Amino acid sequence: MKLYNTYTNSIETLKPIKEGVVTIYYCGPTVYNYIHIGNARPIITFDTLKKHLEHMGYKVIMASNFTDVNEKILKKSKEEGIDEMAVANKYINAYLEDVRRLNADDSFIKPRVTENIPEIIDFVQKLIDNGSAYQKGGDVYYRVDSLPNYGALSNRKVDELIQGARVDVREEKENGYDFALWKDFREGLIYKSPWGMGRPGWHTECVVMIHKIFGGMIDIHGGGTDLIFPHHENEIAQNESLYHNRLANFWVHNARVNFGNEKMSKSIGNVIWTKDLKCDPRAYRLLVLSFPYRNIIPYTDELQNQFVQELNRLDTTYGKLFYYLDINNLFDNDYKDDTYNELIKKFDDANDNDLNTPNGLTVINETTKLINQELRGSKDSKKLVSLYNLLDTMLHIYGLDKKYNRMDDDTLRTYNDWMNARANKDFNKADELRKVLTEKGIIL
């Protein structure tokens, strides 16, 4: 598989550190609010990447963190009148519900910052000991000047950095672009450290959790493009200073989702919460996958409605084929013909080419056309089984699969009665039975 590596600005072949195993970490949310549909894009991107790699035979170990101690969480706790951990737990549960709502696998490793405080303190102390960090009062800062190649990920040079860009400017810093590893804090959830009571800095947390989970360098580190600088840049800096590698072989970033032509942002308020999507969340997932993951998505309601209709067509085809196989007792058959082999190769090739999901969707559409042609035509059982196995595999990888239940005996009798009524031109009875089958989801 080839992926675009932000660190090298080039598409490279993925060569796992350990043969047959791919390790992935992507930055999760600071849990002080619900996630909007822009926040949902990395969930969809890295879930799809994971499923494709598993389909290709790799064992994938994936982790995504929760930042559950943060000033924004403290502010939210005051607003909602509950303690910080209650706030964090509330929005962690809401996030995981959105993960499942998006038809993504929720079995990834889920480290929390509050579970890693001793390791974070130890990590910061080691950076102080080797001269990469310094203490000022109760704060600890990373010394950016200590790393000659700082800025390699974002293509920035230290002398070009604007003082205070997305970091606090404090007089006690040696340089304005030095960033906090530990913050002197006296309110809310705080921890005892060698430098006094406080909280960890945001940029340190992920490095520590990656090393704790994976034991060192990983294959892929991911997240949104907004994290390239300073967050991911600062992760690399700390890791290189202590462990002398860049933490991950690949840095993979998905582009943002705009609200029309404007950046979607909680601070601005022009967001759609994932939980409030007015359509099947799979239709939003289909919209996301129709764009290359490195391209900005200009979200509009009109655009979303197009993919609601597209998903309905996909579900209708899948459902018709599912129940045809069910009625004719053709399940539990893994038959695959030449058409399967040809189309799955096209699908795999698309995903191997920097996760080109738009081309993958083209193969899915080609498959649904073949299914509809076969259902209207000869209904070759072996061919339909092969096409079902193909479509089912592709929909699972893209998280677009829908759960259909096999018919029980009563429903099967109703279906046969409906077919007989249609054959006998008893249209009143056929309409009644069709209504029953429609309510059960058998007829779409």
Protein backbone atom coordinates (compact mmCIF):
# COMPACT_ATOMS: atom_id res chain seq x y z
CA MET A 1 0.00 0.00 0.00
CA LYS A 2 1.14 3.54 -0.76
CA LEU A 3 0.27 6.54 1.43
CA TYR A 4 1.08 10.22 1.35
CA ASN A 5 3.60 10.96 4.09
CA THR A 6 3.31 14.54 5.32
CA TYR A 7 6.81 14.36 6.79
CA THR A 8 8.44 13.75 3.40
CA ASN A 9 5.76 15.41 1.25
CA SER A 10 5.64 12.33 -0.95
CA ILE A 11 3.70 9.14 -1.56
CA GLU A 12 5.62 6.18 -0.16
CA THR A 13 5.16 2.43 0.11
CA LEU A 14 4.05 1.29 3.53
CA LYS A 15 6.61 -1.11 4.99
CA PRO A 16 5.54 -2.08 8.52
CA ILE A 17 8.14 -2.08 11.28
CA LYS A 18 7.03 -5.59 12.21
CA GLU A 19 6.13 -7.89 9.35
CA GLY A 20 2.41 -8.51 9.06
CA VAL A 21 1.48 -5.91 11.72
CA VAL A 22 0.55 -2.24 11.23
CA THR A 23 0.43 0.11 14.23
CA ILE A 24 -1.74 3.24 13.99
CA TYR A 25 -2.35 6.11 16.40
CA TYR A 26 -4.53 9.09 15.60
CA CYS A 27 -5.30 12.00 17.89
CA GLY A 28 -8.68 11.82 19.56
CA PRO A 29 -10.82 14.57 21.09
CA THR A 30 -10.51 16.84 24.07
CA VAL A 31 -13.74 15.75 25.71
CA TYR A 32 -15.57 18.93 26.68
CA ASN A 33 -18.31 18.86 24.04
CA TYR A 34 -19.93 16.76 21.34
CA ILE A 35 -18.06 16.29 18.06
CA HIS A 36 -19.14 17.99 14.86
CA ILE A 37 -19.04 16.39 11.43
CA GLY A 38 -15.58 17.83 10.76
CA ASN A 39 -14.28 16.08 13.89
CA ALA A 40 -15.88 12.91 12.54
CA ARG A 41 -13.74 12.86 9.40
CA PRO A 42 -10.63 11.27 11.01
CA ILE A 43 -12.87 8.60 12.56
CA ILE A 44 -14.10 7.67 9.08
CA THR A 45 -10.67 7.99 7.44
CA PHE A 46 -8.70 5.85 9.88
CA ASP A 47 -11.48 3.31 10.37
CA THR A 48 -11.51 2.80 6.60
CA LEU A 49 -7.72 2.56 6.48
CA LYS A 50 -7.76 -0.01 9.30
CA LYS A 51 -10.42 -2.15 7.62
CA HIS A 52 -8.62 -2.07 4.28
CA LEU A 53 -5.34 -3.16 5.87
CA GLU A 54 -7.11 -5.98 7.70
CA HIS A 55 -8.72 -7.04 4.44
CA MET A 56 -5.24 -7.17 2.90
CA GLY A 57 -4.12 -9.57 5.63
CA TYR A 58 -2.45 -7.30 8.16
CA LYS A 59 -3.01 -7.36 11.88
CA VAL A 60 -3.81 -3.76 12.77
CA ILE A 61 -3.31 -2.35 16.25
CA MET A 62 -4.94 1.06 16.45
CA ALA A 63 -5.20 3.54 19.30
CA SER A 64 -6.87 6.93 19.65
CA ASN A 65 -6.72 8.96 22.85
CA PHE A 66 -9.01 11.03 25.02
CA THR A 67 -7.65 14.26 26.49
CA ASP A 68 -9.70 14.21 29.68
CA VAL A 69 -7.95 16.92 31.73
CA ASN A 70 -7.90 20.36 30.15
CA GLU A 71 -8.91 23.95 30.85
CA LYS A 72 -11.85 23.65 28.45
CA ILE A 73 -13.16 20.70 30.47
CA LEU A 74 -12.82 22.75 33.67
CA LYS A 75 -14.79 25.58 32.08
CA LYS A 76 -17.48 23.14 30.97
CA SER A 77 -17.69 21.63 34.46
CA LYS A 78 -18.49 25.06 35.86
CA GLU A 79 -21.11 25.67 33.17
CA GLU A 80 -22.81 22.31 33.72
CA GLY A 81 -22.38 22.20 37.51
CA ILE A 82 -20.62 18.82 37.54
CA ASP A 83 -17.01 17.83 38.22
CA GLU A 84 -14.43 17.53 35.47
CA MET A 85 -14.37 13.73 35.37
CA ALA A 86 -18.15 13.67 35.01
CA VAL A 87 -17.83 16.06 32.06
CA ALA A 88 -15.10 13.92 30.50
CA ASN A 89 -17.04 10.69 30.96
CA LYS A 90 -20.19 12.25 29.51
CA TYR A 91 -18.47 13.34 26.31
CA ILE A 92 -16.34 10.21 25.99
CA ASN A 93 -19.55 8.17 25.98
CA ALA A 94 -21.09 10.60 23.48
CA TYR A 95 -18.01 10.32 21.26
CA LEU A 96 -18.09 6.53 21.26
CA GLU A 97 -21.78 6.60 20.43
CA ASP A 98 -20.94 8.78 17.43
CA VAL A 99 -18.19 6.32 16.42
CA ARG A 100 -20.78 3.53 16.37
CA ARG A 101 -23.31 5.83 14.68
CA LEU A 102 -20.80 6.32 11.86
CA ASN A 103 -20.58 2.53 11.47
CA ALA A 104 -16.96 2.56 12.64
CA ASP A 105 -15.27 -0.11 14.71
CA ASP A 106 -15.06 0.99 18.36
CA SER A 107 -12.62 -1.71 19.49
CA PHE A 108 -9.50 0.48 19.15
CA ILE A 109 -7.30 1.13 22.21
CA LYS A 110 -8.57 4.21 24.12
CA PRO A 111 -5.92 5.70 26.43
CA ARG A 112 -6.87 8.61 28.70
CA VAL A 113 -4.47 11.29 29.86
CA THR A 114 -5.59 10.94 33.48
CA GLU A 115 -4.49 7.29 33.42
CA ASN A 116 -0.95 8.26 32.36
CA ILE A 117 0.06 11.11 34.69
CA PRO A 118 3.04 9.29 36.36
CA GLU A 119 4.45 8.38 32.94
CA ILE A 120 4.00 11.97 31.71
CA ILE A 121 5.82 13.38 34.74
CA ASP A 122 8.67 10.91 34.24
CA PHE A 123 8.91 11.80 30.56
CA VAL A 124 9.08 15.54 31.29
CA GLN A 125 11.75 15.02 33.93
CA LYS A 126 13.92 13.13 31.43
CA LEU A 127 13.65 16.03 28.98
CA ILE A 128 14.78 18.40 31.74
CA ASP A 129 17.65 16.08 32.62
CA ASN A 130 19.04 16.02 29.06
CA GLY A 131 18.71 19.76 28.59
CA SER A 132 15.76 19.72 26.16
CA ALA A 133 13.41 21.31 28.69
CA TYR A 134 13.64 23.79 31.54
CA GLN A 135 11.64 24.71 34.63
CA LYS A 136 10.38 28.20 35.30
CA GLY A 137 8.54 28.37 38.58
CA GLY A 138 5.87 25.69 38.45
CA ASP A 139 5.94 25.49 34.65
CA VAL A 140 8.13 23.33 32.42
CA TYR A 141 8.86 24.30 28.81
CA TYR A 142 10.43 22.49 25.89
CA ARG A 143 13.48 24.31 24.56
CA VAL A 144 12.76 24.51 20.80
CA ASP A 145 16.30 25.75 20.07
CA SER A 146 17.65 22.45 21.37
CA LEU A 147 16.46 20.59 18.25
CA PRO A 148 18.23 21.69 15.04
CA ASN A 149 15.59 20.26 12.69
CA TYR A 150 12.54 21.57 14.56
CA GLY A 151 9.83 22.35 12.00
CA ALA A 152 10.61 19.48 9.62
CA LEU A 153 7.01 18.22 9.54
CA SER A 154 5.40 21.60 8.88
CA ASN A 155 8.29 22.97 6.81
CA ARG A 156 8.93 25.81 9.24
CA LYS A 157 12.19 27.18 10.54
CA VAL A 158 12.63 28.33 14.10
CA ASP A 159 13.63 31.85 13.10
CA GLU A 160 10.49 32.14 11.00
CA LEU A 161 8.08 31.14 13.74
CA ILE A 162 5.75 33.88 14.88
CA GLN A 163 6.01 34.37 18.62
CA GLY A 164 2.89 33.16 20.32
CA ALA A 165 1.39 31.27 17.37
CA ARG A 166 -1.19 28.98 19.02
CA VAL A 167 0.84 28.94 22.25
CA ASP A 168 0.84 31.12 25.35
CA VAL A 169 3.40 33.91 25.36
CA ARG A 170 4.84 34.26 28.87
CA GLU A 171 7.70 36.45 29.96
CA GLU A 172 9.40 33.62 31.83
CA LYS A 173 9.99 31.63 28.63
CA GLU A 174 13.46 31.64 27.14
CA ASN A 175 11.79 32.02 23.74
CA GLY A 176 8.19 32.78 22.83
CA TYR A 177 7.88 29.65 20.72
CA ASP A 178 8.95 27.28 23.53
CA PHE A 179 5.92 25.23 24.52
CA ALA A 180 4.58 23.95 27.83
CA LEU A 181 5.20 20.38 28.94
CA TRP A 182 3.78 20.97 32.42
CA LYS A 183 1.58 23.83 33.57
CA ASP A 184 1.42 25.38 37.02
CA PHE A 185 -2.26 25.08 37.84
CA ARG A 186 -4.09 25.49 41.14
CA GLU A 187 -7.73 24.93 40.21
CA GLY A 188 -9.80 21.86 39.41
CA LEU A 189 -8.20 18.53 38.60
CA ILE A 190 -4.48 18.93 39.37
CA TYR A 191 -1.58 16.60 40.14
CA LYS A 192 1.50 16.67 42.35
CA SER A 193 4.78 16.85 40.44
CA PRO A 194 8.44 17.73 41.16
CA TRP A 195 7.61 21.26 39.93
CA GLY A 196 4.49 21.74 42.04
CA MET A 197 0.78 21.13 41.52
CA GLY A 198 -0.38 21.32 37.94
CA ARG A 199 -1.45 19.65 34.72
CA PRO A 200 0.37 18.17 31.72
CA GLY A 201 0.80 20.12 28.49
CA TRP A 202 -1.23 18.97 25.52
CA HIS A 203 1.70 18.18 23.22
CA THR A 204 3.33 15.76 25.66
CA GLU A 205 0.39 13.45 26.25
CA CYS A 206 0.31 11.61 22.92
CA VAL A 207 4.05 10.87 22.88
CA VAL A 208 3.85 9.24 26.29
CA MET A 209 0.76 7.21 25.48
CA ILE A 210 2.21 5.96 22.19
CA HIS A 211 5.33 4.69 23.95
CA LYS A 212 3.29 3.08 26.72
CA ILE A 213 0.96 1.28 24.28
CA PHE A 214 3.33 0.40 21.46
CA GLY A 215 6.70 0.37 23.17
CA GLY A 216 8.34 2.75 20.71
CA MET A 217 8.11 3.93 17.12
CA ILE A 218 4.88 3.23 15.22
CA ASP A 219 3.99 2.83 11.57
CA ILE A 220 1.34 5.53 11.15
CA HIS A 221 0.48 8.62 13.19
CA GLY A 222 -2.63 10.40 11.99
CA GLY A 223 -5.03 13.23 12.54
CA GLY A 224 -6.47 16.30 10.89
CA THR A 225 -4.30 18.78 9.00
CA ASP A 226 -4.93 21.36 11.73
CA LEU A 227 -2.74 19.25 14.03
CA ILE A 228 0.37 19.35 11.84
CA PHE A 229 1.53 22.52 13.60
CA PRO A 230 2.05 22.85 16.43
CA HIS A 231 0.74 19.60 17.92
CA HIS A 232 2.36 16.95 15.75
CA GLU A 233 5.46 19.06 15.23
CA ASN A 234 5.87 19.29 18.98
CA GLU A 235 5.28 15.57 19.44
CA ILE A 236 8.12 14.86 17.02
CA ALA A 237 10.42 17.36 18.76
CA GLN A 238 10.02 15.81 22.20
CA ASN A 239 10.36 12.29 20.88
CA GLU A 240 13.49 13.07 18.86
CA SER A 241 15.06 14.81 21.85
CA LEU A 242 14.60 11.75 24.05
CA TYR A 243 14.40 8.73 21.73
CA HIS A 244 16.15 10.07 18.59
CA ASN A 245 13.45 9.09 16.08
CA ARG A 246 10.42 10.90 14.69
CA LEU A 247 7.88 8.72 16.53
CA ALA A 248 6.16 7.39 13.36
CA ASN A 249 7.33 6.29 9.91
CA PHE A 250 4.25 7.85 8.30
CA TRP A 251 2.39 11.03 9.22
CA VAL A 252 -1.03 10.85 7.58
CA HIS A 253 -3.43 13.80 7.72
CA ASN A 254 -6.99 14.20 6.51
CA ALA A 255 -8.21 17.61 5.33
CA ARG A 256 -10.95 19.51 7.11
CA VAL A 257 -14.67 19.77 6.39
CA ASN A 258 -15.88 23.27 5.57
CA PHE A 259 -19.37 24.59 6.14
CA GLY A 260 -19.86 25.64 2.55
CA ASN A 261 -16.85 27.86 1.93
CA GLU A 262 -16.12 28.63 5.60
CA LYS A 263 -14.04 26.66 8.06
CA MET A 264 -16.22 24.65 10.43
CA SER A 265 -15.36 25.58 14.02
CA LYS A 266 -16.87 25.17 17.48
CA SER A 267 -15.56 28.60 18.45
CA ILE A 268 -17.37 30.21 15.52
CA GLY A 269 -20.47 28.09 16.04
CA ASN A 270 -21.04 27.08 12.40
CA VAL A 271 -21.09 23.37 13.10
CA ILE A 272 -23.37 20.38 12.72
CA TRP A 273 -23.03 17.96 15.60
CA THR A 274 -22.59 14.40 14.42
CA LYS A 275 -25.33 13.31 16.79
CA ASP A 276 -27.73 15.75 15.11
CA LEU A 277 -27.28 14.59 11.52
CA LYS A 278 -30.72 14.53 9.94
CA CYS A 279 -29.85 11.59 7.74
CA ASP A 280 -28.51 8.09 8.19
CA PRO A 281 -24.90 8.76 9.36
CA ARG A 282 -23.77 6.24 6.74
CA ALA A 283 -24.90 8.78 4.14
CA TYR A 284 -22.48 11.27 5.67
CA ARG A 285 -19.79 8.60 5.64
CA LEU A 286 -20.54 8.02 1.94
CA LEU A 287 -20.18 11.75 1.31
CA VAL A 288 -16.79 11.81 3.08
CA LEU A 289 -15.51 8.79 1.17
CA SER A 290 -16.50 10.36 -2.14
CA PHE A 291 -13.67 12.89 -1.62
CA PRO A 292 -9.95 12.05 -1.46
CA TYR A 293 -9.05 12.19 2.22
CA ARG A 294 -6.49 14.96 1.59
CA ASN A 295 -9.08 17.25 -0.08
CA ILE A 296 -11.24 19.78 1.76
CA ILE A 297 -14.95 18.89 1.74
CA PRO A 298 -17.34 21.84 1.09
CA TYR A 299 -20.31 20.47 3.05
CA THR A 300 -23.82 21.70 2.23
CA ASP A 301 -27.27 20.25 2.86
CA GLU A 302 -27.76 19.95 -0.89
CA LEU A 303 -24.57 17.93 -1.24
CA GLN A 304 -25.58 15.71 1.66
CA ASN A 305 -28.99 15.04 0.10
CA GLN A 306 -27.30 13.69 -3.02
CA PHE A 307 -25.58 11.05 -0.92
CA VAL A 308 -28.75 10.25 1.01
CA GLN A 309 -30.27 9.27 -2.34
CA GLU A 310 -27.12 7.40 -3.34
CA LEU A 311 -27.16 5.42 -0.09
CA ASN A 312 -30.83 4.57 -0.59
CA ARG A 313 -30.02 3.14 -4.02
CA LEU A 314 -27.15 1.16 -2.55
CA ASP A 315 -29.27 -0.17 0.30
CA THR A 316 -32.07 -1.14 -2.08
CA THR A 317 -29.74 -3.19 -4.27
CA TYR A 318 -28.01 -4.80 -1.32
CA GLY A 319 -31.35 -5.59 0.35
CA LYS A 320 -32.90 -7.09 -2.79
CA LEU A 321 -29.91 -9.36 -3.25
CA PHE A 322 -29.77 -10.30 0.43
CA TYR A 323 -33.37 -11.46 0.49
CA TYR A 324 -33.09 -13.21 -2.87
CA LEU A 325 -30.26 -15.31 -1.43
CA ASP A 326 -32.20 -15.81 1.79
CA ILE A 327 -35.38 -17.00 0.05
CA ASN A 328 -33.42 -19.36 -2.14
CA ASN A 329 -31.25 -20.65 0.70
CA LEU A 330 -28.03 -19.54 -0.98
CA PHE A 331 -26.20 -18.15 2.04
CA ASP A 332 -23.15 -19.78 3.65
CA ASN A 333 -21.52 -19.99 0.25
CA ASP A 334 -18.18 -18.29 -0.35
CA TYR A 335 -18.19 -18.83 -4.12
CA LYS A 336 -16.11 -16.26 -6.04
CA ASP A 337 -15.96 -16.13 -9.82
CA ASP A 338 -13.76 -14.27 -12.31
CA THR A 339 -15.90 -11.13 -12.00
CA TYR A 340 -15.30 -11.13 -8.25
CA ASN A 341 -11.55 -11.45 -8.73
CA GLU A 342 -11.46 -8.72 -11.35
CA LEU A 343 -13.51 -6.20 -9.38
CA ILE A 344 -11.99 -6.85 -5.96
CA LYS A 345 -8.58 -6.25 -7.50
CA LYS A 346 -9.74 -2.90 -8.88
CA PHE A 347 -11.18 -2.03 -5.46
CA ASP A 348 -8.02 -3.08 -3.61
CA ASP A 349 -5.81 -1.23 -6.09
CA ALA A 350 -7.80 1.96 -5.50
CA ASN A 351 -7.37 1.71 -1.74
CA ASP A 352 -3.71 0.76 -2.05
CA ASN A 353 -3.19 3.97 -4.01
CA ASP A 354 -3.20 6.42 -1.09
CA LEU A 355 -6.65 5.27 0.04
CA ASN A 356 -8.39 6.45 -3.13
CA THR A 357 -11.94 5.91 -1.90
CA PRO A 358 -13.64 7.79 -4.79
CA ASN A 359 -12.25 5.18 -7.17
CA GLY A 360 -13.26 2.46 -4.73
CA LEU A 361 -16.83 3.77 -4.78
CA THR A 362 -16.76 3.58 -8.58
CA VAL A 363 -16.13 -0.16 -8.27
CA ILE A 364 -19.01 -0.48 -5.80
CA ASN A 365 -21.33 1.29 -8.24
CA GLU A 366 -20.17 -0.99 -11.05
CA THR A 367 -20.98 -3.97 -8.85
CA THR A 368 -24.49 -2.76 -8.01
CA LYS A 369 -25.25 -2.32 -11.72
CA LEU A 370 -24.22 -5.92 -12.36
CA ILE A 371 -26.40 -7.11 -9.48
CA ASN A 372 -29.47 -5.27 -10.73
CA GLN A 373 -28.91 -6.59 -14.27
CA GLU A 374 -28.65 -10.15 -12.98
CA LEU A 375 -31.73 -9.84 -10.73
CA ARG A 376 -33.75 -8.53 -13.69
CA GLY A 377 -32.33 -11.15 -16.03
CA SER A 378 -31.26 -14.76 -15.71
CA LYS A 379 -30.78 -14.78 -11.92
CA ASP A 380 -27.75 -17.03 -12.17
CA SER A 381 -27.45 -18.27 -8.56
CA LYS A 382 -23.69 -18.77 -8.57
CA LYS A 383 -23.07 -15.36 -10.10
CA LEU A 384 -25.39 -13.67 -7.59
CA VAL A 385 -23.63 -15.39 -4.69
CA SER A 386 -20.29 -14.16 -6.00
CA LEU A 387 -21.60 -10.61 -6.47
CA TYR A 388 -23.07 -10.65 -2.96
CA ASN A 389 -19.74 -11.74 -1.47
CA LEU A 390 -18.04 -8.96 -3.42
CA LEU A 391 -20.45 -6.21 -2.44
CA ASP A 392 -20.59 -7.32 1.19
CA THR A 393 -16.79 -7.22 1.46
CA MET A 394 -16.48 -3.76 -0.08
CA LEU A 395 -19.31 -2.26 1.95
CA HIS A 396 -17.78 -3.57 5.17
CA ILE A 397 -14.40 -2.00 4.39
CA TYR A 398 -16.05 1.36 3.67
CA GLY A 399 -18.38 1.12 6.68
CA LEU A 400 -21.45 1.33 4.45
CA ASP A 401 -22.86 -2.09 5.25
CA LYS A 402 -26.37 -2.34 6.65
CA LYS A 403 -27.58 -5.02 9.00
CA TYR A 404 -30.26 -7.24 7.45
CA ASN A 405 -31.82 -10.16 9.31
CA ARG A 406 -32.62 -13.50 7.79
CA MET A 407 -36.35 -14.14 7.43
CA ASP A 408 -38.04 -16.30 10.02
CA ASP A 409 -40.58 -18.95 8.97
CA ASP A 410 -43.60 -16.65 9.35
CA THR A 411 -42.01 -13.90 7.29
CA LEU A 412 -40.96 -16.37 4.62
CA ARG A 413 -44.53 -17.65 4.37
CA THR A 414 -45.76 -14.05 4.06
CA TYR A 415 -43.25 -13.45 1.30
CA ASN A 416 -44.31 -16.59 -0.62
CA ASP A 417 -47.97 -15.61 -0.19
CA TRP A 418 -47.15 -12.17 -1.61
CA MET A 419 -45.40 -13.71 -4.59
CA ASN A 420 -48.36 -16.05 -5.21
CA ALA A 421 -50.85 -13.17 -4.91
CA ARG A 422 -48.88 -11.21 -7.50
CA ALA A 423 -48.72 -14.24 -9.82
CA ASN A 424 -52.48 -14.77 -9.45
CA LYS A 425 -53.13 -11.02 -9.97
CA ASP A 426 -54.83 -10.76 -6.56
CA PHE A 427 -53.64 -7.18 -6.23
CA ASN A 428 -55.58 -6.30 -3.05
CA LYS A 429 -54.03 -9.19 -1.16
CA ALA A 430 -50.64 -8.46 -2.70
CA ASP A 431 -50.84 -4.84 -1.50
CA GLU A 432 -51.71 -5.93 2.05
CA LEU A 433 -48.88 -8.41 2.18
CA ARG A 434 -46.46 -5.91 0.63
CA LYS A 435 -47.27 -3.48 3.42
CA VAL A 436 -46.39 -6.12 6.03
CA LEU A 437 -43.13 -6.95 4.28
CA THR A 438 -42.26 -3.27 3.88
CA GLU A 439 -42.75 -2.65 7.61
CA LYS A 440 -40.35 -5.51 8.30
CA GLY A 441 -37.81 -4.07 5.91
CA ILE A 442 -38.00 -7.02 3.51
CA ILE A 443 -39.22 -4.91 0.61
CA LEU A 444 -37.50 -1.56 0.23
